Amino acid sequence: MSNGPTPGRILQLGMGFWGAKTLLSAVELGLFTELAGHPLDAQALQEGLGPHSRSARDFFDALGRPGHACVPPGPARQYP
């Protein structure tokens, strides 16, 4: 049995980076600053932050998975 790199371990490492990169992108765009004052819906966030409309929903949904922000059909909120 080999203890060397396996595709599963490499994929796990790559996917772990995706979450960190998504969070960093949200910080760079000012998402949490926008949400600090009041909840906003996905449309208002997209207009205020500028991600392309085709990718905005996926971007906001990806942030909702780790619990950093939540963008349900209604307003998004930042949780302490």
Protein backbone atom coordinates (compact mmCIF):
# COMPACT_ATOMS: atom_id res chain seq x y z
CA MET A 1 0.00 0.00 0.00
CA SER A 2 1.40 3.39 -1.01
CA ASN A 3 1.35 6.46 1.21
CA GLY A 4 2.10 8.78 -1.71
CA PRO A 5 -0.22 11.38 -3.18
CA THR A 6 -3.53 10.07 -4.44
CA PRO A 7 -6.07 11.84 -6.62
CA GLY A 8 -8.43 12.10 -3.65
CA ARG A 9 -5.88 13.89 -1.49
CA ILE A 10 -4.95 16.25 -4.32
CA LEU A 11 -8.62 17.05 -5.01
CA GLN A 12 -9.26 17.64 -1.31
CA LEU A 13 -6.39 20.12 -1.19
CA GLY A 14 -7.65 21.92 -4.30
CA MET A 15 -11.21 22.12 -3.07
CA GLY A 16 -10.06 23.46 0.29
CA PHE A 17 -8.40 26.32 -1.55
CA TRP A 18 -11.63 27.18 -3.36
CA GLY A 19 -13.43 28.04 -0.13
CA ALA A 20 -10.56 30.20 1.10
CA LYS A 21 -10.33 31.99 -2.25
CA THR A 22 -14.08 32.64 -2.27
CA LEU A 23 -13.90 34.12 1.21
CA LEU A 24 -10.89 36.27 0.28
CA SER A 25 -12.69 37.52 -2.83
CA ALA A 26 -15.69 38.51 -0.69
CA VAL A 27 -13.41 40.47 1.63
CA GLU A 28 -11.68 42.19 -1.30
CA LEU A 29 -15.03 43.12 -2.86
CA GLY A 30 -16.27 44.58 0.44
CA LEU A 31 -19.18 42.15 0.84
CA PHE A 32 -19.04 42.05 4.63
CA THR A 33 -18.77 45.82 4.83
CA GLU A 34 -21.91 46.09 2.69
CA LEU A 35 -23.75 43.63 4.95
CA ALA A 36 -22.54 45.19 8.22
CA GLY A 37 -25.15 47.93 8.15
CA HIS A 38 -28.22 46.04 6.98
CA PRO A 39 -29.39 42.95 5.07
CA LEU A 40 -29.33 43.18 1.27
CA ASP A 41 -30.81 40.89 -1.36
CA ALA A 42 -28.66 39.25 -4.04
CA GLN A 43 -29.66 41.84 -6.66
CA ALA A 44 -28.61 44.78 -4.46
CA LEU A 45 -25.33 43.05 -3.58
CA GLN A 46 -24.62 42.32 -7.24
CA GLU A 47 -25.27 45.93 -8.21
CA GLY A 48 -23.21 47.31 -5.33
CA LEU A 49 -20.23 44.98 -5.58
CA GLY A 50 -20.07 44.43 -9.31
CA PRO A 51 -19.75 40.69 -9.95
CA HIS A 52 -21.25 39.73 -13.31
CA SER A 53 -24.91 38.75 -12.96
CA ARG A 54 -24.20 35.26 -14.35
CA SER A 55 -21.71 34.50 -11.59
CA ALA A 56 -23.13 36.57 -8.72
CA ARG A 57 -25.68 33.99 -7.52
CA ASP A 58 -23.10 31.17 -7.54
CA PHE A 59 -20.62 33.39 -5.72
CA PHE A 60 -23.13 34.33 -3.00
CA ASP A 61 -24.35 30.73 -2.69
CA ALA A 62 -20.77 29.50 -2.26
CA LEU A 63 -20.33 31.94 0.61
CA GLY A 64 -23.47 30.62 2.28
CA ARG A 65 -22.12 27.09 2.50
CA PRO A 66 -19.36 27.67 5.06
CA GLY A 67 -21.60 29.93 7.16
CA HIS A 68 -19.86 33.23 6.47
CA ALA A 69 -22.89 34.89 4.92
CA CYS A 70 -26.33 33.76 3.89
CA VAL A 71 -28.01 34.81 0.67
CA PRO A 72 -31.46 33.23 0.70
CA PRO A 73 -34.18 34.37 -1.69
CA GLY A 74 -34.71 37.31 0.67
CA PRO A 75 -32.11 39.66 2.16
CA ALA A 76 -28.59 38.44 2.94
CA ARG A 77 -27.26 38.77 6.44
CA GLN A 78 -23.87 38.66 8.05
CA TYR A 79 -23.76 36.43 11.12
CA PRO A 80 -21.48 37.09 14.09
